[in-house]
C-alpha atoms as a PDB file:
ATOM      1  CA  MET A   1       0.000   0.000   0.000  1.00  0.00           C
ATOM      2  CA  LYS A   2       1.362   3.401  -0.945  1.00  0.00           C
ATOM      3  CA  LYS A   3       2.037   6.129   1.584  1.00  0.00           C
ATOM      4  CA  GLU A   4      -0.650   8.341  -0.005  1.00  0.00           C
ATOM      5  CA  GLN A   5      -3.262   5.583   0.306  1.00  0.00           C
ATOM      6  CA  ILE A   6      -2.377   5.032   3.947  1.00  0.00           C
ATOM      7  CA  GLN A   7      -2.672   8.751   4.687  1.00  0.00           C
ATOM      8  CA  GLN A   8      -6.046   8.913   2.911  1.00  0.00           C
ATOM      9  CA  LEU A   9      -7.393   5.957   4.913  1.00  0.00           C
ATOM     10  CA  PHE A  10      -6.043   7.449   8.137  1.00  0.00           C
ATOM     11  CA  THR A  11      -7.827  10.726   7.391  1.00  0.00           C
ATOM     12  CA  GLN A  12     -11.081   8.892   6.615  1.00  0.00           C
ATOM     13  CA  PHE A  13     -10.835   6.958   9.898  1.00  0.00           C
ATOM     14  CA  GLU A  14     -10.170  10.147  11.839  1.00  0.00           C
ATOM     15  CA  ASN A  15     -13.118  11.900  10.172  1.00  0.00           C
ATOM     16  CA  ALA A  16     -15.416   8.977  11.031  1.00  0.00           C
ATOM     17  CA  ARG A  17     -14.423   8.994  14.720  1.00  0.00           C
ATOM     18  CA  GLN A  18     -17.213   9.799  17.177  1.00  0.00           C
ATOM     19  CA  GLN A  19     -17.429  10.558  20.888  1.00  0.00           C
ATOM     20  CA  VAL A  20     -20.212   8.774  22.767  1.00  0.00           C
ATOM     21  CA  GLU A  21     -20.412   9.560  26.468  1.00  0.00           C
ATOM     22  CA  GLY A  22     -16.746  10.571  26.386  1.00  0.00           C
ATOM     23  CA  ILE A  23     -15.626   7.355  24.693  1.00  0.00           C
ATOM     24  CA  GLU A  24     -13.940   7.406  21.292  1.00  0.00           C
ATOM     25  CA  CYS A  25     -15.594   5.006  18.846  1.00  0.00           C
ATOM     26  CA  TRP A  26     -16.377   4.307  15.204  1.00  0.00           C
ATOM     27  CA  SER A  27     -19.662   3.223  13.645  1.00  0.00           C
ATOM     28  CA  ALA A  28     -19.464  -0.070  11.785  1.00  0.00           C
ATOM     29  CA  ARG A  29     -21.747   1.395   9.119  1.00  0.00           C
ATOM     30  CA  ASP A  30     -19.252   4.218   8.560  1.00  0.00           C
ATOM     31  CA  LEU A  31     -16.286   1.827   8.501  1.00  0.00           C
ATOM     32  CA  GLN A  32     -18.087  -0.385   6.001  1.00  0.00           C
ATOM     33  CA  GLY A  33     -17.758   2.228   3.264  1.00  0.00           C
ATOM     34  CA  ILE A  34     -14.244   3.297   4.214  1.00  0.00           C
ATOM     35  CA  LEU A  35     -13.054  -0.302   3.969  1.00  0.00           C
ATOM     36  CA  GLY A  36     -14.776  -0.822   0.612  1.00  0.00           C
ATOM     37  CA  TYR A  37     -17.628  -3.164   1.525  1.00  0.00           C
ATOM     38  CA  ALA A  38     -20.689  -2.516  -0.649  1.00  0.00           C
ATOM     39  CA  LYS A  39     -22.997  -4.868   1.280  1.00  0.00           C
ATOM     40  CA  TRP A  40     -23.613  -4.728   5.014  1.00  0.00           C
ATOM     41  CA  ASP A  41     -24.031  -8.514   5.183  1.00  0.00           C
ATOM     42  CA  ASN A  42     -20.471  -9.065   3.941  1.00  0.00           C
ATOM     43  CA  PHE A  43     -19.016  -6.551   6.383  1.00  0.00           C
ATOM     44  CA  PHE A  44     -21.071  -7.958   9.263  1.00  0.00           C
ATOM     45  CA  LYS A  45     -19.445 -11.361   8.650  1.00  0.00           C
ATOM     46  CA  VAL A  46     -16.020  -9.725   9.018  1.00  0.00           C
ATOM     47  CA  ILE A  47     -17.105  -8.068  12.267  1.00  0.00           C
ATOM     48  CA  GLU A  48     -18.312 -11.407  13.613  1.00  0.00           C
ATOM     49  CA  LYS A  49     -14.974 -13.045  12.735  1.00  0.00           C
ATOM     50  CA  ALA A  50     -13.180 -10.236  14.579  1.00  0.00           C
ATOM     51  CA  ARG A  51     -15.426 -10.710  17.621  1.00  0.00           C
ATOM     52  CA  ILE A  52     -14.698 -14.441  17.670  1.00  0.00           C
ATOM     53  CA  ALA A  53     -10.948 -13.833  17.272  1.00  0.00           C
ATOM     54  CA  ALA A  54     -10.976 -11.324  20.136  1.00  0.00           C
ATOM     55  CA  GLU A  55     -12.886 -13.716  22.377  1.00  0.00           C
ATOM     56  CA  SER A  56     -10.543 -16.596  21.503  1.00  0.00           C
ATOM     57  CA  SER A  57      -7.576 -14.384  22.413  1.00  0.00           C
ATOM     58  CA  GLY A  58      -9.029 -13.514  25.801  1.00  0.00           C
ATOM     59  CA  ILE A  59      -9.775  -9.912  24.823  1.00  0.00           C
ATOM     60  CA  PRO A  60     -12.955  -8.556  26.469  1.00  0.00           C
ATOM     61  CA  VAL A  61     -15.309  -8.355  23.479  1.00  0.00           C
ATOM     62  CA  ALA A  62     -17.651  -5.878  25.177  1.00  0.00           C
ATOM     63  CA  ASP A  63     -14.758  -3.404  25.483  1.00  0.00           C
ATOM     64  CA  HIS A  64     -14.259  -3.306  21.714  1.00  0.00           C
ATOM     65  CA  PHE A  65     -17.604  -4.179  20.120  1.00  0.00           C
ATOM     66  CA  ALA A  66     -20.398  -2.138  21.644  1.00  0.00           C
ATOM     67  CA  GLY A  67     -23.368  -3.451  19.695  1.00  0.00           C
ATOM     68  CA  VAL A  68     -24.954  -0.014  19.397  1.00  0.00           C
ATOM     69  CA  GLY A  69     -27.416   0.320  16.549  1.00  0.00           C
ATOM     70  CA  LYS A  70     -28.512   3.227  14.401  1.00  0.00           C
ATOM     71  CA  MET A  71     -32.146   3.852  13.663  1.00  0.00           C
ATOM     72  CA  GLY A  72     -33.021   3.759   9.992  1.00  0.00           C
ATOM     73  CA  PRO A  73     -36.191   4.534   8.058  1.00  0.00           C
ATOM     74  CA  LEU A  74     -38.438   1.731   6.859  1.00  0.00           C
ATOM     75  CA  GLY A  75     -40.690   1.883   3.820  1.00  0.00           C
ATOM     76  CA  SER A  76     -43.718   2.436   6.049  1.00  0.00           C
ATOM     77  CA  GLY A  77     -42.207   5.626   7.458  1.00  0.00           C
ATOM     78  CA  ALA A  78     -41.378   3.965  10.782  1.00  0.00           C
ATOM     79  CA  GLU A  79     -37.831   3.529  12.027  1.00  0.00           C
ATOM     80  CA  ARG A  80     -35.985   0.403  13.022  1.00  0.00           C
END
């Protein structure tokens, strides 16, 4: 990977960073696009593999994968 590509990705990650109750975090939906995944289902599989790898390594999964969801509009006008 070229230095310019790395810098561009770093900038995109920094721009996607959020603060929730004083804790720095990133939305998986935002990271999906940055990392080039067109479909959520494909990216979700990667997230699940990372969760399993963290758990297998003894890393506290809850400290790194919050499971917070975003509300989105449904066709009926409701949100889910």
